[in-house]
């Protein structure tokens, strides 16, 4: 499982560095409430050293077996940020990382 989460973290970081992120309405509202920008979240994802946890989505709108990845990491200003997201496919080969939650971590 550690290798699988390491591979997921690499994919998440690549998505963040190449602009293949999608922010859900919920994530955008949370970011605004906490005074965070998209750049803050990108820096946090790229700075992460590990996936904090991988959880199975329980939403009835999600596909069975779909996973969410939780990352807790700081941005370049040292703000500790909590993100939760999943991989989505748009088109044949292009993957995006959809952030369903992004806020200051407590």
C-alpha atoms as a PDB file:
ATOM      1  CA  UNK A   1       0.000   0.000   0.000  1.00  0.00           C
ATOM      2  CA  UNK A   2       2.872   2.397   0.707  1.00  0.00           C
ATOM      3  CA  UNK A   3       4.103   2.075  -2.886  1.00  0.00           C
ATOM      4  CA  UNK A   4       0.596   2.683  -4.220  1.00  0.00           C
ATOM      5  CA  UNK A   5       0.266   5.870  -2.133  1.00  0.00           C
ATOM      6  CA  UNK A   6       3.734   6.978  -3.235  1.00  0.00           C
ATOM      7  CA  UNK A   7       2.710   6.518  -6.883  1.00  0.00           C
ATOM      8  CA  UNK A   8      -0.499   8.469  -6.205  1.00  0.00           C
ATOM      9  CA  UNK A   9       1.481  11.314  -4.626  1.00  0.00           C
ATOM     10  CA  UNK A  10       3.720  11.520  -7.694  1.00  0.00           C
ATOM     11  CA  UNK A  11       0.642  11.731  -9.953  1.00  0.00           C
ATOM     12  CA  UNK A  12      -0.914  14.389  -7.713  1.00  0.00           C
ATOM     13  CA  UNK A  13       2.269  16.469  -7.737  1.00  0.00           C
ATOM     14  CA  UNK A  14       2.541  16.215 -11.525  1.00  0.00           C
ATOM     15  CA  UNK A  15      -1.088  17.251 -11.911  1.00  0.00           C
ATOM     16  CA  UNK A  16      -0.486  20.247  -9.634  1.00  0.00           C
ATOM     17  CA  UNK A  17       2.677  21.312 -11.476  1.00  0.00           C
ATOM     18  CA  UNK A  18       1.080  21.038 -14.913  1.00  0.00           C
ATOM     19  CA  UNK A  19      -2.175  22.815 -14.092  1.00  0.00           C
ATOM     20  CA  UNK A  20      -4.326  19.694 -14.209  1.00  0.00           C
ATOM     21  CA  UNK A  21      -6.264  20.557 -11.046  1.00  0.00           C
ATOM     22  CA  UNK A  22      -9.992  21.097 -10.750  1.00  0.00           C
ATOM     23  CA  UNK A  23     -11.398  22.806  -7.663  1.00  0.00           C
ATOM     24  CA  UNK A  24     -14.899  21.796  -6.599  1.00  0.00           C
ATOM     25  CA  UNK A  25     -17.285  24.507  -5.446  1.00  0.00           C
ATOM     26  CA  UNK A  26     -16.864  23.226  -1.877  1.00  0.00           C
ATOM     27  CA  UNK A  27     -13.070  23.443  -2.086  1.00  0.00           C
ATOM     28  CA  UNK A  28     -13.276  26.966  -3.519  1.00  0.00           C
ATOM     29  CA  UNK A  29     -15.596  28.106  -0.716  1.00  0.00           C
ATOM     30  CA  UNK A  30     -13.312  26.567   1.930  1.00  0.00           C
ATOM     31  CA  UNK A  31     -10.256  28.217   0.390  1.00  0.00           C
ATOM     32  CA  UNK A  32     -11.949  31.611   0.282  1.00  0.00           C
ATOM     33  CA  UNK A  33     -13.129  31.280   3.898  1.00  0.00           C
ATOM     34  CA  UNK A  34      -9.554  30.491   4.995  1.00  0.00           C
ATOM     35  CA  UNK A  35      -7.913  33.139   2.823  1.00  0.00           C
ATOM     36  CA  UNK A  36      -6.134  30.570   0.648  1.00  0.00           C
ATOM     37  CA  UNK A  37      -5.357  30.888  -3.048  1.00  0.00           C
ATOM     38  CA  UNK A  38      -5.008  28.212  -5.688  1.00  0.00           C
ATOM     39  CA  UNK A  39      -1.249  28.844  -5.562  1.00  0.00           C
ATOM     40  CA  UNK A  40      -1.237  28.113  -1.803  1.00  0.00           C
ATOM     41  CA  UNK A  41      -2.888  24.750  -2.477  1.00  0.00           C
ATOM     42  CA  UNK A  42      -0.555  23.933  -5.386  1.00  0.00           C
ATOM     43  CA  UNK A  43       2.499  24.727  -3.238  1.00  0.00           C
ATOM     44  CA  UNK A  44       1.130  22.500  -0.485  1.00  0.00           C
ATOM     45  CA  UNK A  45       0.563  19.588  -2.857  1.00  0.00           C
ATOM     46  CA  UNK A  46       4.001  19.920  -4.452  1.00  0.00           C
ATOM     47  CA  UNK A  47       5.656  20.197  -0.999  1.00  0.00           C
ATOM     48  CA  UNK A  48       3.910  17.096   0.388  1.00  0.00           C
ATOM     49  CA  UNK A  49       6.099  14.195   1.447  1.00  0.00           C
ATOM     50  CA  UNK A  50       3.336  11.599   1.773  1.00  0.00           C
ATOM     51  CA  UNK A  51      -0.346  10.871   1.332  1.00  0.00           C
ATOM     52  CA  UNK A  52      -1.788  11.179   4.842  1.00  0.00           C
ATOM     53  CA  UNK A  53      -4.493   8.631   4.104  1.00  0.00           C
ATOM     54  CA  UNK A  54      -6.445   7.014   1.299  1.00  0.00           C
ATOM     55  CA  UNK A  55     -10.153   6.546   1.897  1.00  0.00           C
ATOM     56  CA  UNK A  56     -12.945   4.933  -0.072  1.00  0.00           C
ATOM     57  CA  UNK A  57     -15.565   7.431  -1.188  1.00  0.00           C
ATOM     58  CA  UNK A  58     -18.941   6.899   0.460  1.00  0.00           C
ATOM     59  CA  UNK A  59     -20.844   9.355  -1.695  1.00  0.00           C
ATOM     60  CA  UNK A  60     -23.777   7.789  -3.569  1.00  0.00           C
ATOM     61  CA  UNK A  61     -22.800   9.872  -6.624  1.00  0.00           C
ATOM     62  CA  UNK A  62     -19.347   8.306  -6.802  1.00  0.00           C
ATOM     63  CA  UNK A  63     -18.343   5.153  -8.620  1.00  0.00           C
ATOM     64  CA  UNK A  64     -17.832   2.052  -6.469  1.00  0.00           C
ATOM     65  CA  UNK A  65     -14.199   1.614  -5.520  1.00  0.00           C
ATOM     66  CA  UNK A  66     -13.393   5.284  -5.988  1.00  0.00           C
ATOM     67  CA  UNK A  67     -10.734   6.603  -3.621  1.00  0.00           C
ATOM     68  CA  UNK A  68     -10.030   9.982  -2.094  1.00  0.00           C
ATOM     69  CA  UNK A  69      -6.508  11.020  -1.116  1.00  0.00           C
ATOM     70  CA  UNK A  70      -5.932  13.208   1.939  1.00  0.00           C
ATOM     71  CA  UNK A  71      -2.785  15.319   2.035  1.00  0.00           C
ATOM     72  CA  UNK A  72      -1.672  17.588   4.860  1.00  0.00           C
ATOM     73  CA  UNK A  73       1.294  19.749   4.004  1.00  0.00           C
ATOM     74  CA  UNK A  74       2.550  23.311   4.188  1.00  0.00           C
ATOM     75  CA  UNK A  75       2.768  25.820   1.405  1.00  0.00           C
ATOM     76  CA  UNK A  76       5.952  27.880   0.927  1.00  0.00           C
ATOM     77  CA  UNK A  77       4.810  30.356   3.629  1.00  0.00           C
ATOM     78  CA  UNK A  78       4.458  27.559   6.192  1.00  0.00           C
ATOM     79  CA  UNK A  79       0.638  27.506   6.214  1.00  0.00           C
ATOM     80  CA  UNK A  80      -0.530  23.980   7.000  1.00  0.00           C
ATOM     81  CA  UNK A  81      -3.158  22.996   4.417  1.00  0.00           C
ATOM     82  CA  UNK A  82      -5.531  20.003   4.329  1.00  0.00           C
ATOM     83  CA  UNK A  83      -6.637  18.753   0.922  1.00  0.00           C
ATOM     84  CA  UNK A  84      -8.789  15.851  -0.151  1.00  0.00           C
ATOM     85  CA  UNK A  85      -9.162  14.875  -3.782  1.00  0.00           C
ATOM     86  CA  UNK A  86      -9.543  12.198  -6.385  1.00  0.00           C
ATOM     87  CA  UNK A  87      -8.396  11.412  -9.896  1.00  0.00           C
ATOM     88  CA  UNK A  88     -10.813  12.015 -12.758  1.00  0.00           C
ATOM     89  CA  UNK A  89     -10.460  11.390 -16.456  1.00  0.00           C
ATOM     90  CA  UNK A  90     -11.381  13.880 -19.134  1.00  0.00           C
ATOM     91  CA  UNK A  91     -11.040  12.514 -22.614  1.00  0.00           C
ATOM     92  CA  UNK A  92      -8.952   9.535 -23.647  1.00  0.00           C
ATOM     93  CA  UNK A  93      -5.665   9.968 -21.813  1.00  0.00           C
ATOM     94  CA  UNK A  94      -5.729  13.130 -19.753  1.00  0.00           C
ATOM     95  CA  UNK A  95      -6.021  12.792 -15.996  1.00  0.00           C
ATOM     96  CA  UNK A  96      -6.918  15.562 -13.595  1.00  0.00           C
ATOM     97  CA  UNK A  97      -6.853  15.754  -9.847  1.00  0.00           C
ATOM     98  CA  UNK A  98     -10.183  17.040  -8.492  1.00  0.00           C
ATOM     99  CA  UNK A  99      -9.939  18.742  -5.108  1.00  0.00           C
ATOM    100  CA  UNK A 100     -13.140  18.173  -3.177  1.00  0.00           C
ATOM    101  CA  UNK A 101     -11.790  19.899  -0.057  1.00  0.00           C
ATOM    102  CA  UNK A 102      -9.010  22.449   0.504  1.00  0.00           C
ATOM    103  CA  UNK A 103      -8.658  24.376   3.765  1.00  0.00           C
ATOM    104  CA  UNK A 104      -6.285  25.310   6.533  1.00  0.00           C
ATOM    105  CA  UNK A 105      -5.471  22.296   8.636  1.00  0.00           C
ATOM    106  CA  UNK A 106      -6.073  22.434  12.365  1.00  0.00           C
END
